[in-house]
Amino acid sequence: MNIAYLNSNDFSFFSDAQDQLEQLIQQLQSEHYAKSEHGDIERFINKDGQEILRRLLQGWLDLQASNEENRGHINSVSGDKLNHVRSGATRTLNSLFGGVTVTRKGYSQLNKASLYPVDAELNLSDDSYSDGIRYRVSNEAVRGSFDDVVETVGETTGGHVPKRQSLNIVRDVAQDFEVFYQETRFIKPEETSDLLVLTFDGKGIVMRPDSLRECTKKAAQKSKKLKSRLSQGEKKDRKRMAQVAAVYTVQPHIRTGESIMKTSEEDDNVLPFRTPIRNKRVWASVEREAEAVIEEAFLEALQRDPEKKRPWVVLIDGLPHQIRLIKKVMKRLTIKATIVMDFIHVLEYLWKAAWCFFDKGDEAVEKWIAEKSVNILNGHCSQVAKGIRISATKQKITDRENIDKCADYLLKNKERLQYGDALKAGFPIASGVIEGACRHLINDRLDITGARWSLKGAEAILKLRSLKSSGDFKTYWKFHKKMSKQRNYGFLEVNNFG
């Protein structure tokens, strides 16, 4: 390398990094490390290599500081002229490689807070953590507990973020979730005639007492529970329901009831390949009301099909309150869609009724279930309801509560159990997508043993996990950085650089 270049002003800012690299190479060449195992060398290089990277980042920041021009003055957000310039003002930045110092000029005036234009140019956050740390913390927080986040960041980077600061970072990163989807999602309609499917479900999250909804708080206060121990099945802090939603596009898949339920040994149980769903977006909220999330899903669907030309299918599990909200939103937005009840829930009622007719372990029960299921899938739910009641009466079954519940369920929801028409149209009839979303978004992270969530903390994790599940996190990160710069430094951009 040219000696003149090594001694130039530009390269001198990185001389510390070069010195660290040379020391590292000398140590690796020494006898002390000659007979080490590769794992020991790997850990040594990783540790000392972080210091090289830290010094490189520090050198770059120092280079930027040396090139900063004196603007003479800048204008504050209120229009005041800040012409007192102070050089050498510093702030600490906790990066992936360790702590570095940002040096820049500050502009102030008597009784006025100082402003730092370089902070805006670098788009530094309003805390002391770098983009790399914030991104890493956000990624780790959606996978495991905040204790795990602190441990992982400490072991795999040169930085350190305490538990509470990790939570604050996650909350801050998640704040642009709704705006991101309002402004960037499906600006152009989908060019397809395939099915547009919306599906919903609810899932409880164990919350801290101060984060419960008012109705749950009152119920908890009124309930007479044992004070010295938990009652059977009781969650001391109780749960708050999160509304989960999913919207996706899929090709119609035409089939018959017989192809779904095997009624005899001769039936072919090999199902034809079904085209995978696409453009799936899943999300959940424990903070907002269920109606707001449901409406958001329909607005998402309208972005995909603004002229409402495609077949719309709403797949649900049958919760009465949820059905009322869906119909309310559909009426408000003048949307027509076919509401289909999840067939898996129908099977649960059938199985409970079946054990009133059969003894435990009786193999004949499976054939009975298959026959009744095929009849329901062919659009004859009312006949099945009537038939099981008549059979129960003829057999003089006294313990028939589950039989009557099943029959009532089939009759009450017969409008949403038109599976014959749904199968002919190729509609989905099982809510595997939303069940998987509940399991992934909530169970796998927010339902870990011992977790008790604050409202803001749970909502932030749900948003980040939703972004990950929908494949939007990287795009969202760029959007979040843009929004953060506007929040923190927008007035500087307008008043001094515009």
Protein backbone atom coordinates (compact mmCIF):
# COMPACT_ATOMS: atom_id res chain seq x y z
CA MET A 1 0.00 0.00 0.00
CA ASN A 2 1.27 3.49 -0.84
CA ILE A 3 2.92 5.15 2.21
CA ALA A 4 1.67 8.58 1.21
CA TYR A 5 -1.89 7.23 1.16
CA LEU A 6 -1.45 5.66 4.58
CA ASN A 7 -0.37 9.04 6.00
CA SER A 8 -3.08 11.05 4.27
CA ASN A 9 -5.67 12.89 6.35
CA ASP A 10 -8.54 10.73 5.03
CA PHE A 11 -6.89 7.44 6.00
CA SER A 12 -5.70 8.64 9.41
CA PHE A 13 -9.22 8.40 10.76
CA PHE A 14 -9.02 4.64 10.27
CA SER A 15 -5.49 4.14 11.62
CA ASP A 16 -6.82 2.81 14.94
CA ALA A 17 -8.71 0.10 13.07
CA GLN A 18 -5.60 -0.73 11.08
CA ASP A 19 -3.51 -0.96 14.28
CA GLN A 20 -6.10 -3.32 15.82
CA LEU A 21 -6.05 -5.52 12.72
CA GLU A 22 -2.24 -5.71 12.76
CA GLN A 23 -2.25 -6.66 16.45
CA LEU A 24 -4.82 -9.36 15.76
CA ILE A 25 -2.72 -10.81 12.92
CA GLN A 26 0.43 -10.78 15.09
CA GLN A 27 -1.36 -12.63 17.87
CA LEU A 28 -2.65 -15.25 15.45
CA GLN A 29 0.93 -15.80 14.22
CA SER A 30 2.32 -16.18 17.75
CA GLU A 31 3.25 -19.49 19.39
CA HIS A 32 0.52 -19.01 21.97
CA TYR A 33 -2.16 -19.70 19.37
CA ALA A 34 -0.18 -22.17 17.23
CA LYS A 35 -1.71 -25.29 18.79
CA SER A 36 -5.17 -23.97 19.65
CA GLU A 37 -8.38 -25.61 18.53
CA HIS A 38 -10.22 -23.86 15.74
CA GLY A 39 -13.17 -23.07 18.04
CA ASP A 40 -10.91 -21.11 20.38
CA ILE A 41 -9.49 -19.15 17.44
CA GLU A 42 -12.99 -18.55 16.12
CA ARG A 43 -14.12 -17.01 19.42
CA PHE A 44 -10.93 -14.95 19.70
CA ILE A 45 -11.32 -13.51 16.17
CA ASN A 46 -14.99 -12.80 16.75
CA LYS A 47 -14.29 -10.88 19.97
CA ASP A 48 -11.32 -8.88 18.73
CA GLY A 49 -12.84 -8.53 15.27
CA GLN A 50 -15.76 -6.62 16.82
CA GLU A 51 -13.26 -4.06 18.08
CA ILE A 52 -11.86 -3.62 14.55
CA LEU A 53 -15.38 -3.00 13.25
CA ARG A 54 -16.10 -0.59 16.10
CA ARG A 55 -12.97 1.42 15.28
CA LEU A 56 -13.91 1.48 11.59
CA LEU A 57 -17.31 2.93 12.46
CA GLN A 58 -15.69 5.41 14.85
CA GLY A 59 -13.24 6.44 12.14
CA TRP A 60 -16.03 7.06 9.66
CA LEU A 61 -17.96 9.17 12.17
CA ASP A 62 -14.81 11.18 12.94
CA LEU A 63 -14.27 11.70 9.21
CA GLN A 64 -17.81 13.01 8.85
CA ALA A 65 -17.28 15.34 11.82
CA SER A 66 -14.10 16.79 10.29
CA ASN A 67 -15.97 17.55 7.06
CA GLU A 68 -19.00 19.20 8.69
CA GLU A 69 -19.47 22.73 7.44
CA ASN A 70 -20.35 25.68 9.63
CA ARG A 71 -23.82 26.77 8.57
CA GLY A 72 -23.63 30.07 10.43
CA HIS A 73 -27.12 29.59 11.82
CA ILE A 74 -30.18 27.38 11.59
CA ASN A 75 -33.83 28.01 12.39
CA SER A 76 -35.63 26.30 15.26
CA VAL A 77 -39.09 24.76 14.97
CA SER A 78 -40.58 28.05 16.19
CA GLY A 79 -38.58 30.07 13.64
CA ASP A 80 -35.94 31.39 16.04
CA LYS A 81 -32.52 32.03 14.54
CA LEU A 82 -29.92 29.88 16.31
CA ASN A 83 -26.53 31.44 15.52
CA HIS A 84 -24.43 30.40 18.50
CA VAL A 85 -22.29 27.56 17.07
CA ARG A 86 -20.58 25.12 19.42
CA SER A 87 -18.08 22.69 17.91
CA GLY A 88 -17.19 19.33 19.41
CA ALA A 89 -20.59 18.49 20.85
CA THR A 90 -20.78 14.73 21.37
CA ARG A 91 -23.30 11.96 21.95
CA THR A 92 -22.78 8.24 22.51
CA LEU A 93 -24.11 5.72 20.02
CA ASN A 94 -24.43 2.08 21.07
CA SER A 95 -23.79 0.11 17.88
CA LEU A 96 -23.58 -3.56 16.90
CA PHE A 97 -19.82 -3.33 17.42
CA GLY A 98 -19.83 -1.43 20.73
CA GLY A 99 -20.02 2.17 21.86
CA VAL A 100 -18.88 4.98 19.54
CA THR A 101 -18.97 8.75 19.82
CA VAL A 102 -20.72 11.05 17.37
CA THR A 103 -19.10 14.48 17.26
CA ARG A 104 -20.91 17.38 15.59
CA LYS A 105 -21.71 21.09 15.75
CA GLY A 106 -24.54 22.35 17.91
CA TYR A 107 -26.60 25.46 17.18
CA SER A 108 -28.25 27.34 20.02
CA GLN A 109 -29.24 30.69 21.41
CA LEU A 110 -29.83 32.04 24.90
CA ASN A 111 -32.59 30.03 26.63
CA LYS A 112 -33.04 27.88 23.51
CA ALA A 113 -32.27 24.19 23.23
CA SER A 114 -29.42 23.20 20.94
CA LEU A 115 -30.06 21.59 17.57
CA TYR A 116 -27.68 19.30 15.69
CA PRO A 117 -28.13 19.11 11.90
CA VAL A 118 -25.77 16.13 11.61
CA ASP A 119 -28.13 14.07 13.77
CA ALA A 120 -30.76 14.59 11.08
CA GLU A 121 -28.34 13.76 8.27
CA LEU A 122 -27.32 10.54 10.00
CA ASN A 123 -30.96 9.87 10.98
CA LEU A 124 -30.02 8.99 14.54
CA SER A 125 -32.83 7.76 16.76
CA ASP A 126 -33.92 9.74 19.80
CA ASP A 127 -32.34 7.12 22.08
CA SER A 128 -28.70 6.01 22.19
CA TYR A 129 -29.02 2.89 20.03
CA SER A 130 -27.95 2.49 16.41
CA ASP A 131 -30.07 1.19 13.56
CA GLY A 132 -28.23 -2.13 13.63
CA ILE A 133 -28.97 -2.68 17.32
CA ARG A 134 -32.60 -1.64 16.94
CA TYR A 135 -33.09 -3.95 13.96
CA ARG A 136 -31.44 -6.85 15.75
CA VAL A 137 -33.47 -6.34 18.94
CA SER A 138 -36.70 -6.19 16.93
CA ASN A 139 -35.83 -9.41 15.10
CA GLU A 140 -34.91 -11.27 18.26
CA ALA A 141 -37.91 -9.99 20.25
CA VAL A 142 -40.42 -11.60 17.88
CA ARG A 143 -38.73 -14.98 18.39
CA GLY A 144 -38.24 -15.26 22.13
CA SER A 145 -38.45 -13.59 25.52
CA PHE A 146 -36.80 -10.27 26.26
CA ASP A 147 -34.39 -12.10 28.56
CA ASP A 148 -33.33 -14.10 25.51
CA VAL A 149 -33.00 -10.88 23.51
CA VAL A 150 -30.58 -9.40 26.04
CA GLU A 151 -28.53 -12.62 26.13
CA THR A 152 -28.42 -13.11 22.35
CA VAL A 153 -27.47 -9.52 21.55
CA GLY A 154 -24.78 -9.61 24.23
CA GLU A 155 -23.31 -12.89 22.98
CA THR A 156 -23.40 -12.28 19.22
CA THR A 157 -22.62 -8.56 18.93
CA GLY A 158 -20.39 -5.99 20.58
CA GLY A 159 -23.43 -4.14 21.92
CA HIS A 160 -25.56 -4.49 25.02
CA VAL A 161 -29.22 -3.55 25.49
CA PRO A 162 -30.93 -4.00 28.89
CA LYS A 163 -34.35 -5.65 29.06
CA ARG A 164 -36.44 -2.50 29.56
CA GLN A 165 -34.63 -0.66 26.78
CA SER A 166 -35.26 -3.64 24.49
CA LEU A 167 -38.98 -3.36 25.17
CA ASN A 168 -38.88 0.39 24.51
CA ILE A 169 -37.13 -0.22 21.18
CA VAL A 170 -39.77 -2.75 20.12
CA ARG A 171 -42.59 -0.36 20.99
CA ASP A 172 -40.95 2.45 19.07
CA VAL A 173 -40.28 0.30 15.99
CA ALA A 174 -43.87 -0.99 15.89
CA GLN A 175 -45.56 2.41 16.00
CA ASP A 176 -45.86 2.92 12.21
CA PHE A 177 -47.68 -0.38 11.58
CA GLU A 178 -51.13 0.97 10.68
CA VAL A 179 -49.79 3.87 8.58
CA PHE A 180 -47.51 1.50 6.67
CA TYR A 181 -50.40 -0.62 5.47
CA GLN A 182 -52.63 2.36 4.79
CA GLU A 183 -50.05 4.02 2.56
CA THR A 184 -48.11 1.20 0.93
CA ARG A 185 -50.16 -2.00 0.76
CA PHE A 186 -51.63 -2.99 -2.64
CA ILE A 187 -51.78 0.46 -4.19
CA LYS A 188 -52.68 -1.30 -7.43
CA PRO A 189 -55.54 -3.84 -7.48
CA GLU A 190 -54.67 -7.48 -7.99
CA GLU A 191 -55.13 -8.48 -11.61
CA THR A 192 -56.92 -11.76 -11.08
CA SER A 193 -60.40 -13.25 -10.86
CA ASP A 194 -59.41 -15.74 -8.13
CA LEU A 195 -61.09 -15.97 -4.76
CA LEU A 196 -60.55 -13.20 -2.23
CA VAL A 197 -60.68 -14.80 1.22
CA LEU A 198 -61.01 -13.07 4.59
CA THR A 199 -60.84 -15.07 7.80
CA PHE A 200 -61.04 -14.08 11.48
CA ASP A 201 -60.55 -15.55 14.93
CA GLY A 202 -59.95 -14.47 18.51
CA LYS A 203 -57.29 -15.57 20.97
CA GLY A 204 -56.81 -14.70 24.62
CA ILE A 205 -53.55 -13.28 25.97
CA VAL A 206 -52.69 -13.33 29.67
CA MET A 207 -52.40 -9.69 30.70
CA ARG A 208 -51.37 -7.71 33.71
CA PRO A 209 -54.38 -6.58 35.75
CA ASP A 210 -54.07 -2.93 34.63
CA SER A 211 -54.18 -4.00 30.95
CA LEU A 212 -57.48 -5.87 31.06
CA ARG A 213 -60.62 -4.49 29.46
CA GLU A 214 -63.05 -2.87 31.89
CA CYS A 215 -65.63 -5.65 31.60
CA THR A 216 -62.98 -8.26 32.47
CA LYS A 217 -61.74 -6.20 35.41
CA LYS A 218 -65.27 -5.96 36.81
CA ALA A 219 -65.87 -9.68 36.33
CA ALA A 220 -62.63 -10.48 38.13
CA GLN A 221 -63.56 -8.20 41.01
CA LYS A 222 -67.02 -9.74 41.35
CA SER A 223 -65.87 -13.36 41.14
CA LYS A 224 -65.33 -15.04 44.48
CA LYS A 225 -62.02 -16.87 44.09
CA LEU A 226 -59.78 -18.47 46.65
CA LYS A 227 -57.13 -15.99 47.79
CA SER A 228 -54.50 -18.48 48.90
CA ARG A 229 -54.40 -20.53 45.67
CA LEU A 230 -55.68 -20.54 42.11
CA SER A 231 -58.96 -22.28 41.41
CA GLN A 232 -58.92 -25.15 38.93
CA GLY A 233 -58.23 -23.83 35.41
CA GLU A 234 -57.96 -20.22 36.60
CA LYS A 235 -55.49 -17.67 35.22
CA LYS A 236 -54.90 -15.22 38.06
CA ASP A 237 -54.28 -12.22 35.83
CA ARG A 238 -56.99 -13.21 33.33
CA LYS A 239 -56.95 -12.78 29.58
CA ARG A 240 -57.68 -10.07 27.06
CA MET A 241 -58.90 -11.17 23.65
CA ALA A 242 -56.82 -10.36 20.60
CA GLN A 243 -58.57 -10.16 17.24
CA VAL A 244 -56.72 -12.03 14.50
CA ALA A 245 -57.34 -11.42 10.80
CA ALA A 246 -56.01 -12.77 7.52
CA VAL A 247 -56.62 -11.85 3.88
CA TYR A 248 -55.33 -13.88 0.96
CA THR A 249 -55.91 -14.82 -2.66
CA VAL A 250 -56.39 -18.39 -3.85
CA GLN A 251 -57.61 -20.22 -6.92
CA PRO A 252 -61.00 -22.00 -6.64
CA HIS A 253 -60.66 -25.65 -5.68
CA ILE A 254 -63.77 -27.59 -6.76
CA ARG A 255 -64.41 -30.86 -4.93
CA THR A 256 -67.15 -33.05 -3.43
CA GLY A 257 -68.08 -34.06 0.07
CA GLU A 258 -67.05 -37.64 -0.70
CA SER A 259 -63.57 -36.47 -1.69
CA ILE A 260 -63.14 -34.84 1.71
CA MET A 261 -64.59 -37.56 3.97
CA LYS A 262 -63.66 -41.17 3.35
CA THR A 263 -66.83 -43.25 3.84
CA SER A 264 -65.49 -46.71 2.96
CA GLU A 265 -62.24 -48.60 2.63
CA GLU A 266 -62.53 -48.51 -1.15
CA ASP A 267 -62.63 -44.72 -1.31
CA ASP A 268 -59.49 -43.09 -2.66
CA ASN A 269 -57.87 -41.02 0.10
CA VAL A 270 -55.38 -39.32 -2.22
CA LEU A 271 -56.39 -35.69 -2.63
CA PRO A 272 -55.50 -33.70 -5.75
CA PHE A 273 -52.86 -30.99 -5.48
CA ARG A 274 -54.27 -27.61 -4.51
CA THR A 275 -52.71 -24.36 -5.63
CA PRO A 276 -51.10 -22.60 -2.64
CA ILE A 277 -52.54 -19.38 -1.33
CA ARG A 278 -50.72 -16.16 -2.25
CA ASN A 279 -50.47 -12.53 -1.20
CA LYS A 280 -51.31 -13.55 2.35
CA ARG A 281 -51.37 -10.92 5.03
CA VAL A 282 -52.00 -11.88 8.65
CA TRP A 283 -52.14 -9.60 11.66
CA ALA A 284 -53.61 -9.25 15.12
CA SER A 285 -54.35 -6.60 17.70
CA VAL A 286 -55.04 -6.86 21.41
CA GLU A 287 -55.24 -3.10 21.90
CA ARG A 288 -57.81 -2.11 19.28
CA GLU A 289 -61.42 -3.27 19.28
CA ALA A 290 -62.34 -6.34 17.24
CA GLU A 291 -64.56 -4.31 14.92
CA ALA A 292 -61.64 -2.05 13.95
CA VAL A 293 -59.48 -5.04 12.97
CA ILE A 294 -62.34 -6.63 11.02
CA GLU A 295 -62.97 -3.38 9.15
CA GLU A 296 -59.24 -3.10 8.43
CA ALA A 297 -59.36 -6.54 6.80
CA PHE A 298 -62.26 -5.53 4.55
CA LEU A 299 -60.45 -2.31 3.59
CA GLU A 300 -57.40 -4.41 2.73
CA ALA A 301 -59.60 -6.57 0.53
CA LEU A 302 -61.07 -3.48 -1.14
CA GLN A 303 -57.57 -2.36 -2.07
CA ARG A 304 -57.12 -5.67 -3.85
CA ASP A 305 -60.54 -5.63 -5.51
CA PRO A 306 -61.96 -2.08 -5.44
CA GLU A 307 -64.67 -2.84 -8.00
CA LYS A 308 -65.82 -5.93 -6.04
CA LYS A 309 -65.80 -8.12 -9.14
CA ARG A 310 -64.15 -11.16 -7.58
CA PRO A 311 -65.84 -13.81 -5.40
CA TRP A 312 -65.40 -12.79 -1.75
CA VAL A 313 -65.41 -15.49 0.94
CA VAL A 314 -65.45 -14.85 4.68
CA LEU A 315 -64.34 -17.91 6.67
CA ILE A 316 -65.19 -17.93 10.39
CA ASP A 317 -65.49 -20.27 13.36
CA GLY A 318 -69.03 -19.30 14.32
CA LEU A 319 -68.60 -16.97 17.30
CA PRO A 320 -71.93 -15.04 17.38
CA HIS A 321 -70.39 -11.71 18.41
CA GLN A 322 -67.85 -11.98 15.60
CA ILE A 323 -70.57 -12.74 13.06
CA ARG A 324 -72.51 -9.64 14.14
CA LEU A 325 -69.43 -7.45 13.74
CA ILE A 326 -68.65 -8.89 10.30
CA LYS A 327 -72.17 -8.26 9.07
CA LYS A 328 -72.12 -4.76 10.52
CA VAL A 329 -68.89 -3.89 8.70
CA MET A 330 -70.09 -5.46 5.45
CA LYS A 331 -73.27 -3.37 5.59
CA ARG A 332 -71.34 -0.18 6.31
CA LEU A 333 -68.95 -0.78 3.40
CA THR A 334 -71.72 -2.14 1.09
CA ILE A 335 -69.86 -5.39 0.56
CA LYS A 336 -71.40 -8.71 -0.43
CA ALA A 337 -69.54 -11.86 0.52
CA THR A 338 -70.29 -15.51 1.18
CA ILE A 339 -69.85 -16.33 4.87
CA VAL A 340 -68.72 -19.91 5.41
CA MET A 341 -68.46 -21.65 8.77
CA ASP A 342 -65.30 -23.60 9.46
CA PHE A 343 -66.11 -27.27 8.85
CA ILE A 344 -63.67 -28.39 11.56
CA HIS A 345 -65.92 -26.78 14.18
CA VAL A 346 -68.89 -28.69 12.76
CA LEU A 347 -66.94 -31.92 13.13
CA GLU A 348 -66.29 -31.11 16.81
CA TYR A 349 -70.04 -30.90 17.46
CA LEU A 350 -70.61 -34.12 15.50
CA TRP A 351 -68.02 -36.01 17.51
CA LYS A 352 -69.54 -34.89 20.80
CA ALA A 353 -72.96 -36.03 19.59
CA ALA A 354 -71.53 -39.34 18.34
CA TRP A 355 -70.37 -40.41 21.79
CA CYS A 356 -73.98 -40.25 22.94
CA PHE A 357 -74.77 -43.04 20.42
CA PHE A 358 -71.58 -45.10 20.72
CA ASP A 359 -69.47 -46.48 23.52
CA LYS A 360 -65.90 -45.29 23.86
CA GLY A 361 -63.63 -47.31 21.60
CA ASP A 362 -66.40 -48.45 19.25
CA GLU A 363 -64.87 -48.40 15.76
CA ALA A 364 -68.30 -47.96 14.15
CA VAL A 365 -68.30 -44.33 15.27
CA GLU A 366 -65.93 -43.31 12.46
CA LYS A 367 -68.26 -44.58 9.75
CA TRP A 368 -71.17 -42.75 11.43
CA ILE A 369 -69.14 -39.51 11.52
CA ALA A 370 -68.12 -39.89 7.87
CA GLU A 371 -71.72 -40.48 6.69
CA LYS A 372 -73.12 -37.53 8.62
CA SER A 373 -70.25 -35.31 7.49
CA VAL A 374 -70.78 -36.14 3.82
CA ASN A 375 -74.48 -35.29 4.16
CA ILE A 376 -73.58 -31.93 5.71
CA LEU A 377 -70.95 -31.29 3.03
CA ASN A 378 -73.56 -31.97 0.38
CA GLY A 379 -75.75 -29.22 1.86
CA HIS A 380 -78.11 -31.26 4.04
CA CYS A 381 -77.34 -29.94 7.52
CA SER A 382 -81.03 -29.55 8.45
CA GLN A 383 -81.75 -33.18 7.58
CA VAL A 384 -78.78 -34.32 9.65
CA ALA A 385 -79.99 -32.28 12.63
CA LYS A 386 -83.46 -33.75 12.34
CA GLY A 387 -82.10 -37.28 11.84
CA ILE A 388 -79.86 -37.39 14.92
CA ARG A 389 -82.70 -36.13 17.10
CA ILE A 390 -85.10 -38.76 15.78
CA SER A 391 -82.45 -41.47 16.28
CA ALA A 392 -81.87 -40.33 19.85
CA THR A 393 -85.60 -40.47 20.58
CA LYS A 394 -86.02 -43.91 18.99
CA GLN A 395 -83.05 -45.30 20.91
CA LYS A 396 -84.39 -43.70 24.09
CA ILE A 397 -81.09 -42.01 24.84
CA THR A 398 -81.40 -40.04 28.06
CA ASP A 399 -77.97 -38.40 28.10
CA ARG A 400 -78.57 -36.47 24.88
CA GLU A 401 -77.39 -32.95 25.72
CA ASN A 402 -74.60 -32.99 23.12
CA ILE A 403 -77.00 -34.36 20.51
CA ASP A 404 -79.36 -31.43 20.99
CA LYS A 405 -76.45 -28.97 21.04
CA CYS A 406 -75.21 -30.35 17.73
CA ALA A 407 -78.67 -30.20 16.16
CA ASP A 408 -79.25 -26.65 17.41
CA TYR A 409 -75.84 -25.60 16.07
CA LEU A 410 -76.56 -27.04 12.61
CA LEU A 411 -79.98 -25.39 12.40
CA LYS A 412 -78.87 -22.04 13.80
CA ASN A 413 -76.00 -21.77 11.32
CA LYS A 414 -77.58 -23.46 8.30
CA GLU A 415 -77.19 -20.24 6.27
CA ARG A 416 -73.42 -20.50 6.73
CA LEU A 417 -73.26 -24.29 6.28
CA GLN A 418 -74.15 -24.40 2.59
CA TYR A 419 -71.12 -26.54 1.89
CA GLY A 420 -72.63 -28.08 -1.23
CA ASP A 421 -72.67 -24.73 -3.00
CA ALA A 422 -69.31 -23.75 -1.49
CA LEU A 423 -67.56 -26.90 -2.72
CA LYS A 424 -69.02 -26.53 -6.21
CA ALA A 425 -67.72 -22.94 -6.32
CA GLY A 426 -64.29 -24.03 -5.08
CA PHE A 427 -64.51 -22.08 -1.80
CA PRO A 428 -62.35 -23.00 1.22
CA ILE A 429 -64.33 -24.50 4.10
CA ALA A 430 -61.63 -24.92 6.76
CA SER A 431 -59.89 -22.11 8.63
CA GLY A 432 -56.40 -23.58 8.75
CA VAL A 433 -54.88 -20.25 7.73
CA ILE A 434 -56.33 -18.29 10.65
CA GLU A 435 -55.76 -21.15 13.11
CA GLY A 436 -52.12 -21.20 12.04
CA ALA A 437 -51.98 -17.42 12.40
CA CYS A 438 -53.31 -17.61 15.97
CA ARG A 439 -50.78 -20.27 16.83
CA HIS A 440 -47.86 -18.43 15.24
CA LEU A 441 -48.70 -14.82 16.16
CA ILE A 442 -49.88 -15.47 19.71
CA ASN A 443 -49.26 -18.96 21.11
CA ASP A 444 -45.65 -19.34 20.02
CA ARG A 445 -44.55 -16.02 21.56
CA LEU A 446 -47.12 -14.37 23.81
CA ASP A 447 -48.28 -17.58 25.47
CA ILE A 448 -44.86 -18.68 26.74
CA THR A 449 -44.79 -19.95 30.30
CA GLY A 450 -45.03 -17.24 32.93
CA ALA A 451 -45.64 -14.38 30.49
CA ARG A 452 -47.81 -11.53 31.77
CA TRP A 453 -48.16 -8.75 29.23
CA SER A 454 -48.72 -5.03 29.36
CA LEU A 455 -51.08 -3.75 26.69
CA LYS A 456 -48.42 -1.74 24.82
CA GLY A 457 -45.86 -4.53 24.99
CA ALA A 458 -48.22 -7.21 23.69
CA GLU A 459 -49.47 -4.97 20.89
CA ALA A 460 -45.94 -4.14 19.75
CA ILE A 461 -44.92 -7.81 19.57
CA LEU A 462 -48.11 -8.69 17.70
CA LYS A 463 -47.38 -6.02 15.09
CA LEU A 464 -43.80 -7.12 14.51
CA ARG A 465 -44.77 -10.80 14.32
CA SER A 466 -47.53 -9.86 11.88
CA LEU A 467 -45.02 -8.07 9.66
CA LYS A 468 -42.73 -11.11 9.75
CA SER A 469 -45.54 -13.53 8.95
CA SER A 470 -46.72 -11.41 6.03
CA GLY A 471 -43.19 -11.06 4.63
CA ASP A 472 -43.27 -7.27 5.02
CA PHE A 473 -40.73 -6.63 7.76
CA LYS A 474 -37.81 -5.47 5.58
CA THR A 475 -40.03 -3.13 3.58
CA TYR A 476 -41.59 -1.87 6.80
CA TRP A 477 -38.16 -1.16 8.30
CA LYS A 478 -37.33 1.28 5.49
CA PHE A 479 -40.72 2.91 5.93
CA HIS A 480 -40.24 3.15 9.70
CA LYS A 481 -36.84 4.83 9.27
CA LYS A 482 -38.40 7.36 6.91
CA MET A 483 -41.21 8.09 9.39
CA SER A 484 -38.75 8.31 12.31
CA LYS A 485 -36.67 10.90 10.47
CA GLN A 486 -39.78 12.92 9.76
CA ARG A 487 -40.88 12.76 13.41
CA ASN A 488 -37.48 13.59 14.88
CA TYR A 489 -36.06 15.99 12.33
CA GLY A 490 -38.85 17.03 9.96
CA PHE A 491 -38.76 20.63 11.08
CA LEU A 492 -35.00 20.80 10.42
CA GLU A 493 -35.52 19.48 6.89
CA VAL A 494 -38.19 22.12 6.17
CA ASN A 495 -36.61 25.11 7.88
CA ASN A 496 -32.97 24.57 6.97
CA PHE A 497 -32.56 22.13 4.10
CA GLY A 498 -35.82 22.54 2.18
